[in-house]
C-alpha atoms as a PDB file:
ATOM      1  CA  UNK A   1      -5.788 -15.188   1.317  1.00  0.00           C
ATOM      2  CA  UNK A   2      -8.525 -12.624   1.904  1.00  0.00           C
ATOM      3  CA  UNK A   3      -9.686 -13.142   5.495  1.00  0.00           C
ATOM      4  CA  UNK A   4     -12.916 -11.366   6.376  1.00  0.00           C
ATOM      5  CA  UNK A   5     -14.552 -11.718   9.768  1.00  0.00           C
ATOM      6  CA  UNK A   6     -18.325 -12.033   9.370  1.00  0.00           C
ATOM      7  CA  UNK A   7     -19.114 -10.566  12.808  1.00  0.00           C
ATOM      8  CA  UNK A   8     -17.452  -8.121  15.164  1.00  0.00           C
ATOM      9  CA  UNK A   9     -18.747  -5.465  17.556  1.00  0.00           C
ATOM     10  CA  UNK A  10     -17.391  -2.046  18.461  1.00  0.00           C
ATOM     11  CA  UNK A  11     -18.807   0.349  21.038  1.00  0.00           C
ATOM     12  CA  UNK A  12     -17.943   3.572  22.827  1.00  0.00           C
ATOM     13  CA  UNK A  13     -20.072   3.244  25.943  1.00  0.00           C
ATOM     14  CA  UNK A  14     -21.852   0.670  28.045  1.00  0.00           C
ATOM     15  CA  UNK A  15     -21.066  -2.819  29.271  1.00  0.00           C
ATOM     16  CA  UNK A  16     -22.004  -5.782  27.061  1.00  0.00           C
ATOM     17  CA  UNK A  17     -25.274  -7.295  28.193  1.00  0.00           C
ATOM     18  CA  UNK A  18     -23.954 -10.748  27.269  1.00  0.00           C
ATOM     19  CA  UNK A  19     -21.469 -11.636  30.054  1.00  0.00           C
ATOM     20  CA  UNK A  20     -19.526 -13.789  27.593  1.00  0.00           C
ATOM     21  CA  UNK A  21     -18.274 -10.609  25.917  1.00  0.00           C
ATOM     22  CA  UNK A  22     -15.368  -8.669  27.376  1.00  0.00           C
ATOM     23  CA  UNK A  23     -16.804  -6.656  30.217  1.00  0.00           C
ATOM     24  CA  UNK A  24     -15.290  -3.348  29.195  1.00  0.00           C
ATOM     25  CA  UNK A  25     -17.026  -0.029  28.611  1.00  0.00           C
ATOM     26  CA  UNK A  26     -15.541   0.602  25.185  1.00  0.00           C
ATOM     27  CA  UNK A  27     -13.983  -1.329  22.331  1.00  0.00           C
ATOM     28  CA  UNK A  28     -13.485   1.119  19.544  1.00  0.00           C
ATOM     29  CA  UNK A  29     -12.406   1.141  15.922  1.00  0.00           C
ATOM     30  CA  UNK A  30      -8.755   1.618  16.840  1.00  0.00           C
ATOM     31  CA  UNK A  31      -8.835  -1.371  19.202  1.00  0.00           C
ATOM     32  CA  UNK A  32     -10.472  -3.528  16.556  1.00  0.00           C
ATOM     33  CA  UNK A  33      -8.047  -2.587  13.776  1.00  0.00           C
ATOM     34  CA  UNK A  34      -5.035  -3.163  16.030  1.00  0.00           C
ATOM     35  CA  UNK A  35      -6.183  -6.683  16.844  1.00  0.00           C
ATOM     36  CA  UNK A  36      -7.084  -7.351  13.226  1.00  0.00           C
ATOM     37  CA  UNK A  37      -3.569  -6.365  12.158  1.00  0.00           C
ATOM     38  CA  UNK A  38      -2.020  -8.568  14.837  1.00  0.00           C
ATOM     39  CA  UNK A  39      -4.267 -11.497  13.904  1.00  0.00           C
ATOM     40  CA  UNK A  40      -3.930 -11.264  10.135  1.00  0.00           C
ATOM     41  CA  UNK A  41      -7.546 -10.301   9.462  1.00  0.00           C
ATOM     42  CA  UNK A  42      -8.058  -8.366   6.231  1.00  0.00           C
ATOM     43  CA  UNK A  43     -11.528  -6.935   6.903  1.00  0.00           C
ATOM     44  CA  UNK A  44     -14.549  -7.334   9.160  1.00  0.00           C
ATOM     45  CA  UNK A  45     -18.302  -6.758   9.231  1.00  0.00           C
ATOM     46  CA  UNK A  46     -19.468  -4.696  12.206  1.00  0.00           C
ATOM     47  CA  UNK A  47     -22.750  -5.599  13.905  1.00  0.00           C
ATOM     48  CA  UNK A  48     -23.778  -2.631  16.102  1.00  0.00           C
ATOM     49  CA  UNK A  49     -24.460  -3.982  19.624  1.00  0.00           C
ATOM     50  CA  UNK A  50     -27.570  -3.061  21.539  1.00  0.00           C
ATOM     51  CA  UNK A  51     -25.796  -2.008  24.727  1.00  0.00           C
ATOM     52  CA  UNK A  52     -24.455   1.192  23.117  1.00  0.00           C
ATOM     53  CA  UNK A  53     -27.337   3.433  22.005  1.00  0.00           C
ATOM     54  CA  UNK A  54     -25.039   5.123  19.480  1.00  0.00           C
ATOM     55  CA  UNK A  55     -23.500   1.912  18.148  1.00  0.00           C
ATOM     56  CA  UNK A  56     -24.943   2.295  14.649  1.00  0.00           C
ATOM     57  CA  UNK A  57     -23.372   5.699  14.149  1.00  0.00           C
ATOM     58  CA  UNK A  58     -20.093   4.451  15.623  1.00  0.00           C
ATOM     59  CA  UNK A  59     -20.080   1.615  13.076  1.00  0.00           C
ATOM     60  CA  UNK A  60     -20.929   3.866  10.128  1.00  0.00           C
ATOM     61  CA  UNK A  61     -18.182   6.312  11.061  1.00  0.00           C
ATOM     62  CA  UNK A  62     -15.653   3.473  11.249  1.00  0.00           C
ATOM     63  CA  UNK A  63     -16.706   2.089   7.858  1.00  0.00           C
ATOM     64  CA  UNK A  64     -16.504   5.560   6.339  1.00  0.00           C
ATOM     65  CA  UNK A  65     -12.913   5.939   7.519  1.00  0.00           C
ATOM     66  CA  UNK A  66     -11.841   2.436   6.454  1.00  0.00           C
ATOM     67  CA  UNK A  67     -14.097   1.290   3.577  1.00  0.00           C
ATOM     68  CA  UNK A  68     -11.725  -1.498   2.506  1.00  0.00           C
ATOM     69  CA  UNK A  69     -11.516  -2.932   6.002  1.00  0.00           C
ATOM     70  CA  UNK A  70     -14.860  -2.351   7.713  1.00  0.00           C
ATOM     71  CA  UNK A  71     -18.502  -2.638   6.683  1.00  0.00           C
ATOM     72  CA  UNK A  72     -21.787  -2.853   8.579  1.00  0.00           C
ATOM     73  CA  UNK A  73     -24.881  -5.003   8.928  1.00  0.00           C
ATOM     74  CA  UNK A  74     -27.223  -2.600  10.690  1.00  0.00           C
ATOM     75  CA  UNK A  75     -30.651  -2.713  12.238  1.00  0.00           C
ATOM     76  CA  UNK A  76     -33.802  -0.643  12.589  1.00  0.00           C
ATOM     77  CA  UNK A  77     -37.013  -0.858  14.661  1.00  0.00           C
ATOM     78  CA  UNK A  78     -38.948  -3.574  12.878  1.00  0.00           C
ATOM     79  CA  UNK A  79     -42.276  -2.712  14.486  1.00  0.00           C
ATOM     80  CA  UNK A  80     -42.256   0.974  13.599  1.00  0.00           C
ATOM     81  CA  UNK A  81     -43.925   2.234  10.438  1.00  0.00           C
ATOM     82  CA  UNK A  82     -41.255   4.887   9.856  1.00  0.00           C
ATOM     83  CA  UNK A  83     -38.642   2.170   9.386  1.00  0.00           C
ATOM     84  CA  UNK A  84     -40.247   1.086   6.110  1.00  0.00           C
ATOM     85  CA  UNK A  85     -39.015   4.121   4.202  1.00  0.00           C
ATOM     86  CA  UNK A  86     -35.399   3.583   5.298  1.00  0.00           C
ATOM     87  CA  UNK A  87     -34.757   0.353   3.399  1.00  0.00           C
ATOM     88  CA  UNK A  88     -34.586   1.784  -0.103  1.00  0.00           C
ATOM     89  CA  UNK A  89     -31.736   4.135   0.812  1.00  0.00           C
ATOM     90  CA  UNK A  90     -30.045   1.800   3.315  1.00  0.00           C
ATOM     91  CA  UNK A  91     -26.875   1.376   1.231  1.00  0.00           C
ATOM     92  CA  UNK A  92     -26.473   5.157   0.980  1.00  0.00           C
ATOM     93  CA  UNK A  93     -24.983   5.090   4.481  1.00  0.00           C
ATOM     94  CA  UNK A  94     -21.208   4.458   4.419  1.00  0.00           C
ATOM     95  CA  UNK A  95     -20.366   0.774   4.607  1.00  0.00           C
ATOM     96  CA  UNK A  96     -23.954  -0.376   5.125  1.00  0.00           C
ATOM     97  CA  UNK A  97     -24.443  -3.686   3.303  1.00  0.00           C
ATOM     98  CA  UNK A  98     -27.545  -5.190   4.903  1.00  0.00           C
ATOM     99  CA  UNK A  99     -29.318  -5.998   8.153  1.00  0.00           C
ATOM    100  CA  UNK A 100     -28.851  -8.073  11.274  1.00  0.00           C
ATOM    101  CA  UNK A 101     -31.477  -8.711  13.962  1.00  0.00           C
ATOM    102  CA  UNK A 102     -31.135 -10.529  17.297  1.00  0.00           C
ATOM    103  CA  UNK A 103     -34.650 -10.677  18.895  1.00  0.00           C
ATOM    104  CA  UNK A 104     -33.285 -10.450  22.439  1.00  0.00           C
ATOM    105  CA  UNK A 105     -36.474  -9.169  24.057  1.00  0.00           C
ATOM    106  CA  UNK A 106     -39.312 -11.599  24.857  1.00  0.00           C
ATOM    107  CA  UNK A 107     -41.876  -9.639  22.837  1.00  0.00           C
ATOM    108  CA  UNK A 108     -39.660  -9.981  19.745  1.00  0.00           C
ATOM    109  CA  UNK A 109     -39.479 -13.763  19.713  1.00  0.00           C
ATOM    110  CA  UNK A 110     -42.492 -14.229  17.427  1.00  0.00           C
ATOM    111  CA  UNK A 111     -41.818 -11.345  15.055  1.00  0.00           C
ATOM    112  CA  UNK A 112     -40.448 -13.604  12.335  1.00  0.00           C
ATOM    113  CA  UNK A 113     -43.690 -15.610  12.210  1.00  0.00           C
ATOM    114  CA  UNK A 114     -46.469 -13.251  13.349  1.00  0.00           C
ATOM    115  CA  UNK A 115     -46.306 -10.900  10.373  1.00  0.00           C
ATOM    116  CA  UNK A 116     -44.286  -8.130  12.031  1.00  0.00           C
ATOM    117  CA  UNK A 117     -41.395  -8.680   9.621  1.00  0.00           C
ATOM    118  CA  UNK A 118     -43.354  -9.457   6.481  1.00  0.00           C
ATOM    119  CA  UNK A 119     -42.782  -5.961   5.106  1.00  0.00           C
ATOM    120  CA  UNK A 120     -39.018  -6.344   5.578  1.00  0.00           C
ATOM    121  CA  UNK A 121     -38.700  -9.510   3.488  1.00  0.00           C
ATOM    122  CA  UNK A 122     -40.384  -7.798   0.564  1.00  0.00           C
ATOM    123  CA  UNK A 123     -38.414  -4.567   0.931  1.00  0.00           C
ATOM    124  CA  UNK A 124     -35.048  -6.294   1.458  1.00  0.00           C
ATOM    125  CA  UNK A 125     -35.580  -8.484  -1.603  1.00  0.00           C
ATOM    126  CA  UNK A 126     -36.414  -5.462  -3.740  1.00  0.00           C
ATOM    127  CA  UNK A 127     -33.370  -3.561  -2.450  1.00  0.00           C
ATOM    128  CA  UNK A 128     -31.010  -6.561  -2.709  1.00  0.00           C
ATOM    129  CA  UNK A 129     -30.139  -6.375   0.994  1.00  0.00           C
ATOM    130  CA  UNK A 130     -29.219  -9.564   2.904  1.00  0.00           C
ATOM    131  CA  UNK A 131     -30.707 -10.127   6.361  1.00  0.00           C
ATOM    132  CA  UNK A 132     -28.740 -11.886   9.123  1.00  0.00           C
ATOM    133  CA  UNK A 133     -30.708 -13.432  11.979  1.00  0.00           C
ATOM    134  CA  UNK A 134     -29.893 -14.730  15.446  1.00  0.00           C
ATOM    135  CA  UNK A 135     -32.426 -17.464  14.808  1.00  0.00           C
ATOM    136  CA  UNK A 136     -31.245 -20.482  16.760  1.00  0.00           C
ATOM    137  CA  UNK A 137     -34.545 -20.665  18.649  1.00  0.00           C
ATOM    138  CA  UNK A 138     -36.788 -20.554  15.573  1.00  0.00           C
ATOM    139  CA  UNK A 139     -34.944 -22.055  12.608  1.00  0.00           C
ATOM    140  CA  UNK A 140     -38.063 -23.717  11.101  1.00  0.00           C
ATOM    141  CA  UNK A 141     -39.599 -20.241  10.792  1.00  0.00           C
ATOM    142  CA  UNK A 142     -36.545 -19.153   8.805  1.00  0.00           C
ATOM    143  CA  UNK A 143     -37.319 -21.964   6.389  1.00  0.00           C
ATOM    144  CA  UNK A 144     -40.842 -20.648   5.916  1.00  0.00           C
ATOM    145  CA  UNK A 145     -39.514 -17.176   5.149  1.00  0.00           C
ATOM    146  CA  UNK A 146     -36.947 -18.599   2.725  1.00  0.00           C
ATOM    147  CA  UNK A 147     -39.643 -20.557   0.907  1.00  0.00           C
ATOM    148  CA  UNK A 148     -42.146 -17.709   0.785  1.00  0.00           C
ATOM    149  CA  UNK A 149     -39.585 -15.055  -0.165  1.00  0.00           C
ATOM    150  CA  UNK A 150     -36.962 -16.680  -2.413  1.00  0.00           C
ATOM    151  CA  UNK A 151     -35.664 -13.267  -3.442  1.00  0.00           C
ATOM    152  CA  UNK A 152     -34.331 -12.335  -0.006  1.00  0.00           C
ATOM    153  CA  UNK A 153     -30.948 -13.616   1.202  1.00  0.00           C
ATOM    154  CA  UNK A 154     -31.066 -14.901   4.802  1.00  0.00           C
ATOM    155  CA  UNK A 155     -27.938 -15.500   6.886  1.00  0.00           C
ATOM    156  CA  UNK A 156     -28.223 -17.580  10.072  1.00  0.00           C
ATOM    157  CA  UNK A 157     -25.936 -16.444  12.879  1.00  0.00           C
ATOM    158  CA  UNK A 158     -23.494 -18.521  14.905  1.00  0.00           C
ATOM    159  CA  UNK A 159     -23.939 -21.921  13.232  1.00  0.00           C
ATOM    160  CA  UNK A 160     -27.627 -21.856  14.098  1.00  0.00           C
ATOM    161  CA  UNK A 161     -26.968 -22.573  17.725  1.00  0.00           C
ATOM    162  CA  UNK A 162     -29.734 -21.994  20.248  1.00  0.00           C
ATOM    163  CA  UNK A 163     -27.396 -21.253  23.147  1.00  0.00           C
ATOM    164  CA  UNK A 164     -24.048 -19.745  24.013  1.00  0.00           C
ATOM    165  CA  UNK A 165     -22.219 -22.542  25.833  1.00  0.00           C
ATOM    166  CA  UNK A 166     -20.339 -25.651  24.794  1.00  0.00           C
ATOM    167  CA  UNK A 167     -22.834 -28.162  26.225  1.00  0.00           C
ATOM    168  CA  UNK A 168     -24.077 -30.776  23.799  1.00  0.00           C
ATOM    169  CA  UNK A 169     -27.755 -29.837  24.182  1.00  0.00           C
ATOM    170  CA  UNK A 170     -27.226 -26.449  22.566  1.00  0.00           C
ATOM    171  CA  UNK A 171     -26.315 -28.282  19.361  1.00  0.00           C
ATOM    172  CA  UNK A 172     -29.850 -29.674  19.378  1.00  0.00           C
ATOM    173  CA  UNK A 173     -30.801 -27.157  16.696  1.00  0.00           C
ATOM    174  CA  UNK A 174     -28.245 -28.565  14.240  1.00  0.00           C
ATOM    175  CA  UNK A 175     -30.739 -30.779  12.342  1.00  0.00           C
ATOM    176  CA  UNK A 176     -33.002 -27.761  11.872  1.00  0.00           C
ATOM    177  CA  UNK A 177     -30.067 -25.756  10.531  1.00  0.00           C
ATOM    178  CA  UNK A 178     -29.082 -28.522   8.134  1.00  0.00           C
ATOM    179  CA  UNK A 179     -32.639 -28.644   6.828  1.00  0.00           C
ATOM    180  CA  UNK A 180     -32.363 -24.986   5.784  1.00  0.00           C
ATOM    181  CA  UNK A 181     -29.588 -25.795   3.318  1.00  0.00           C
ATOM    182  CA  UNK A 182     -32.182 -26.892   0.753  1.00  0.00           C
ATOM    183  CA  UNK A 183     -33.119 -23.236   0.313  1.00  0.00           C
ATOM    184  CA  UNK A 184     -30.547 -21.575  -1.952  1.00  0.00           C
ATOM    185  CA  UNK A 185     -31.260 -18.184  -0.383  1.00  0.00           C
ATOM    186  CA  UNK A 186     -30.101 -19.290   3.096  1.00  0.00           C
ATOM    187  CA  UNK A 187     -26.467 -19.095   4.244  1.00  0.00           C
ATOM    188  CA  UNK A 188     -24.823 -19.643   7.628  1.00  0.00           C
ATOM    189  CA  UNK A 189     -22.246 -17.698   9.587  1.00  0.00           C
ATOM    190  CA  UNK A 190     -19.669 -20.029  11.111  1.00  0.00           C
ATOM    191  CA  UNK A 191     -19.008 -17.421  13.758  1.00  0.00           C
ATOM    192  CA  UNK A 192     -17.816 -18.066  17.289  1.00  0.00           C
ATOM    193  CA  UNK A 193     -16.804 -21.696  16.709  1.00  0.00           C
ATOM    194  CA  UNK A 194     -14.076 -21.923  19.415  1.00  0.00           C
ATOM    195  CA  UNK A 195     -16.516 -20.754  22.086  1.00  0.00           C
ATOM    196  CA  UNK A 196     -18.780 -23.724  21.356  1.00  0.00           C
ATOM    197  CA  UNK A 197     -16.118 -26.295  22.163  1.00  0.00           C
ATOM    198  CA  UNK A 198     -15.624 -27.941  25.546  1.00  0.00           C
ATOM    199  CA  UNK A 199     -12.016 -28.737  24.640  1.00  0.00           C
ATOM    200  CA  UNK A 200      -8.781 -26.860  24.108  1.00  0.00           C
ATOM    201  CA  UNK A 201      -7.455 -25.958  20.673  1.00  0.00           C
ATOM    202  CA  UNK A 202      -7.872 -27.428  18.055  1.00  0.00           C
ATOM    203  CA  UNK A 203     -11.426 -27.878  19.427  1.00  0.00           C
ATOM    204  CA  UNK A 204     -11.777 -31.375  18.025  1.00  0.00           C
ATOM    205  CA  UNK A 205     -15.232 -31.936  19.546  1.00  0.00           C
ATOM    206  CA  UNK A 206     -16.840 -29.479  17.108  1.00  0.00           C
ATOM    207  CA  UNK A 207     -15.105 -30.634  13.907  1.00  0.00           C
ATOM    208  CA  UNK A 208     -17.862 -33.075  13.020  1.00  0.00           C
ATOM    209  CA  UNK A 209     -20.511 -30.408  13.495  1.00  0.00           C
ATOM    210  CA  UNK A 210     -18.594 -28.064  11.194  1.00  0.00           C
ATOM    211  CA  UNK A 211     -18.196 -30.839   8.650  1.00  0.00           C
ATOM    212  CA  UNK A 212     -21.937 -31.535   8.602  1.00  0.00           C
ATOM    213  CA  UNK A 213     -22.691 -27.852   8.077  1.00  0.00           C
ATOM    214  CA  UNK A 214     -20.097 -27.633   5.298  1.00  0.00           C
ATOM    215  CA  UNK A 215     -21.521 -30.724   3.588  1.00  0.00           C
ATOM    216  CA  UNK A 216     -24.998 -29.185   3.674  1.00  0.00           C
ATOM    217  CA  UNK A 217     -24.302 -25.573   2.700  1.00  0.00           C
ATOM    218  CA  UNK A 218     -21.029 -25.803   0.789  1.00  0.00           C
ATOM    219  CA  UNK A 219     -18.240 -23.222   0.873  1.00  0.00           C
ATOM    220  CA  UNK A 220     -20.195 -20.495  -0.923  1.00  0.00           C
ATOM    221  CA  UNK A 221     -22.843 -20.323   1.810  1.00  0.00           C
ATOM    222  CA  UNK A 222     -20.665 -20.796   4.919  1.00  0.00           C
ATOM    223  CA  UNK A 223     -18.954 -17.700   6.285  1.00  0.00           C
ATOM    224  CA  UNK A 224     -16.091 -17.749   8.776  1.00  0.00           C
ATOM    225  CA  UNK A 225     -16.045 -15.213  11.605  1.00  0.00           C
ATOM    226  CA  UNK A 226     -15.445 -14.776  15.307  1.00  0.00           C
ATOM    227  CA  UNK A 227     -17.514 -12.366  17.391  1.00  0.00           C
ATOM    228  CA  UNK A 228     -14.009 -11.732  18.701  1.00  0.00           C
ATOM    229  CA  UNK A 229     -14.861  -9.941  21.938  1.00  0.00           C
ATOM    230  CA  UNK A 230     -16.319 -13.139  23.367  1.00  0.00           C
ATOM    231  CA  UNK A 231     -13.765 -15.618  22.024  1.00  0.00           C
ATOM    232  CA  UNK A 232     -11.696 -17.764  24.424  1.00  0.00           C
ATOM    233  CA  UNK A 233      -8.672 -17.495  22.139  1.00  0.00           C
ATOM    234  CA  UNK A 234      -6.908 -14.948  19.909  1.00  0.00           C
ATOM    235  CA  UNK A 235      -7.779 -14.357  16.279  1.00  0.00           C
ATOM    236  CA  UNK A 236      -4.883 -16.522  15.085  1.00  0.00           C
ATOM    237  CA  UNK A 237      -6.448 -19.670  16.529  1.00  0.00           C
ATOM    238  CA  UNK A 238      -9.903 -18.770  15.240  1.00  0.00           C
ATOM    239  CA  UNK A 239      -8.317 -18.602  11.788  1.00  0.00           C
ATOM    240  CA  UNK A 240      -6.088 -21.660  11.987  1.00  0.00           C
ATOM    241  CA  UNK A 241      -8.991 -23.795  13.214  1.00  0.00           C
ATOM    242  CA  UNK A 242     -10.356 -23.491   9.677  1.00  0.00           C
ATOM    243  CA  UNK A 243      -7.184 -23.062   7.623  1.00  0.00           C
ATOM    244  CA  UNK A 244      -5.080 -25.773   9.295  1.00  0.00           C
ATOM    245  CA  UNK A 245      -7.214 -28.148  11.369  1.00  0.00           C
ATOM    246  CA  UNK A 246     -10.139 -29.023   9.086  1.00  0.00           C
ATOM    247  CA  UNK A 247      -8.367 -31.344   6.664  1.00  0.00           C
ATOM    248  CA  UNK A 248     -11.464 -31.847   4.512  1.00  0.00           C
ATOM    249  CA  UNK A 249     -11.411 -28.232   3.334  1.00  0.00           C
ATOM    250  CA  UNK A 250      -9.653 -27.698  -0.006  1.00  0.00           C
ATOM    251  CA  UNK A 251      -7.657 -24.564  -0.682  1.00  0.00           C
ATOM    252  CA  UNK A 252     -10.516 -23.321  -2.832  1.00  0.00           C
ATOM    253  CA  UNK A 253     -12.964 -23.992   0.003  1.00  0.00           C
ATOM    254  CA  UNK A 254     -10.817 -21.978   2.396  1.00  0.00           C
ATOM    255  CA  UNK A 255     -10.651 -19.019   0.022  1.00  0.00           C
ATOM    256  CA  UNK A 256     -14.430 -18.925  -0.061  1.00  0.00           C
ATOM    257  CA  UNK A 257     -15.211 -19.673   3.586  1.00  0.00           C
ATOM    258  CA  UNK A 258     -12.571 -17.341   5.015  1.00  0.00           C
ATOM    259  CA  UNK A 259     -13.902 -14.286   3.227  1.00  0.00           C
ATOM    260  CA  UNK A 260     -14.610 -14.373  -0.467  1.00  0.00           C
ATOM    261  CA  UNK A 261     -18.051 -16.021  -0.197  1.00  0.00           C
ATOM    262  CA  UNK A 262     -19.185 -13.503   2.394  1.00  0.00           C
ATOM    263  CA  UNK A 263     -18.056 -10.594   0.222  1.00  0.00           C
ATOM    264  CA  UNK A 264     -19.856 -12.091  -2.772  1.00  0.00           C
ATOM    265  CA  UNK A 265     -23.075 -12.421  -0.779  1.00  0.00           C
ATOM    266  CA  UNK A 266     -22.931  -8.944   0.743  1.00  0.00           C
ATOM    267  CA  UNK A 267     -21.789  -7.265  -2.446  1.00  0.00           C
ATOM    268  CA  UNK A 268     -18.641  -5.996  -0.730  1.00  0.00           C
ATOM    269  CA  UNK A 269     -16.081  -5.501  -3.487  1.00  0.00           C
ATOM    270  CA  UNK A 270     -12.802  -5.757  -1.654  1.00  0.00           C
ATOM    271  CA  UNK A 271      -9.438  -5.744  -3.443  1.00  0.00           C
ATOM    272  CA  UNK A 272      -7.239  -8.836  -3.414  1.00  0.00           C
END
């Protein structure tokens, strides 16, 4: 089975600003590939983290060296005019398959609805570039974008969760996520699932949530992944949660969710 992680980070300098991530000053390509080999992960999509100012170049260099194992969802300054000209040639950079934005600063929280990003939806649709969004706090706005720009592919991060813990209230955004499934241009990353459980493996308290998301989006718009440097367990358990513990997934579903659907959406033509 092709197993592709929809979200990982690598960096050469700086401590992660999210304390849930491993508090180490570097986690480089070699570290990532070693753990991928040990965990049985075929390939992974790098999301350059904000705490390393050179993270984008680090990611591109890694994808250039290992094009069948690593790719990138990058970012650019959304509020700068010079960014507009970069979209057309975005895929010319090694391994660059699309965008991912996190809106971590307070002044960025309204960008998706105040017009700041309107140019991006048009440009990304024209270029065929998917856009991943850490949008747990503003999922209804994602629906508006999906409706107004049906040509752009939107990917919601981390099961649409509005928080990083396992408390029940941070699943409050689940109905809003489910409502996005009616838009065929919206998909969801099922990344970080073990970290959202208050229980030990097999994390039974989140199975129903995963089932609801699967029922809404289907296997072609639900992408497995980890965000491995903040997981409470090794890659093997992140994988087996989906391949062994969710009995309602067929073998065909698993093939799609564990990697093939993500590759189809990103246009990443991996062998096998």
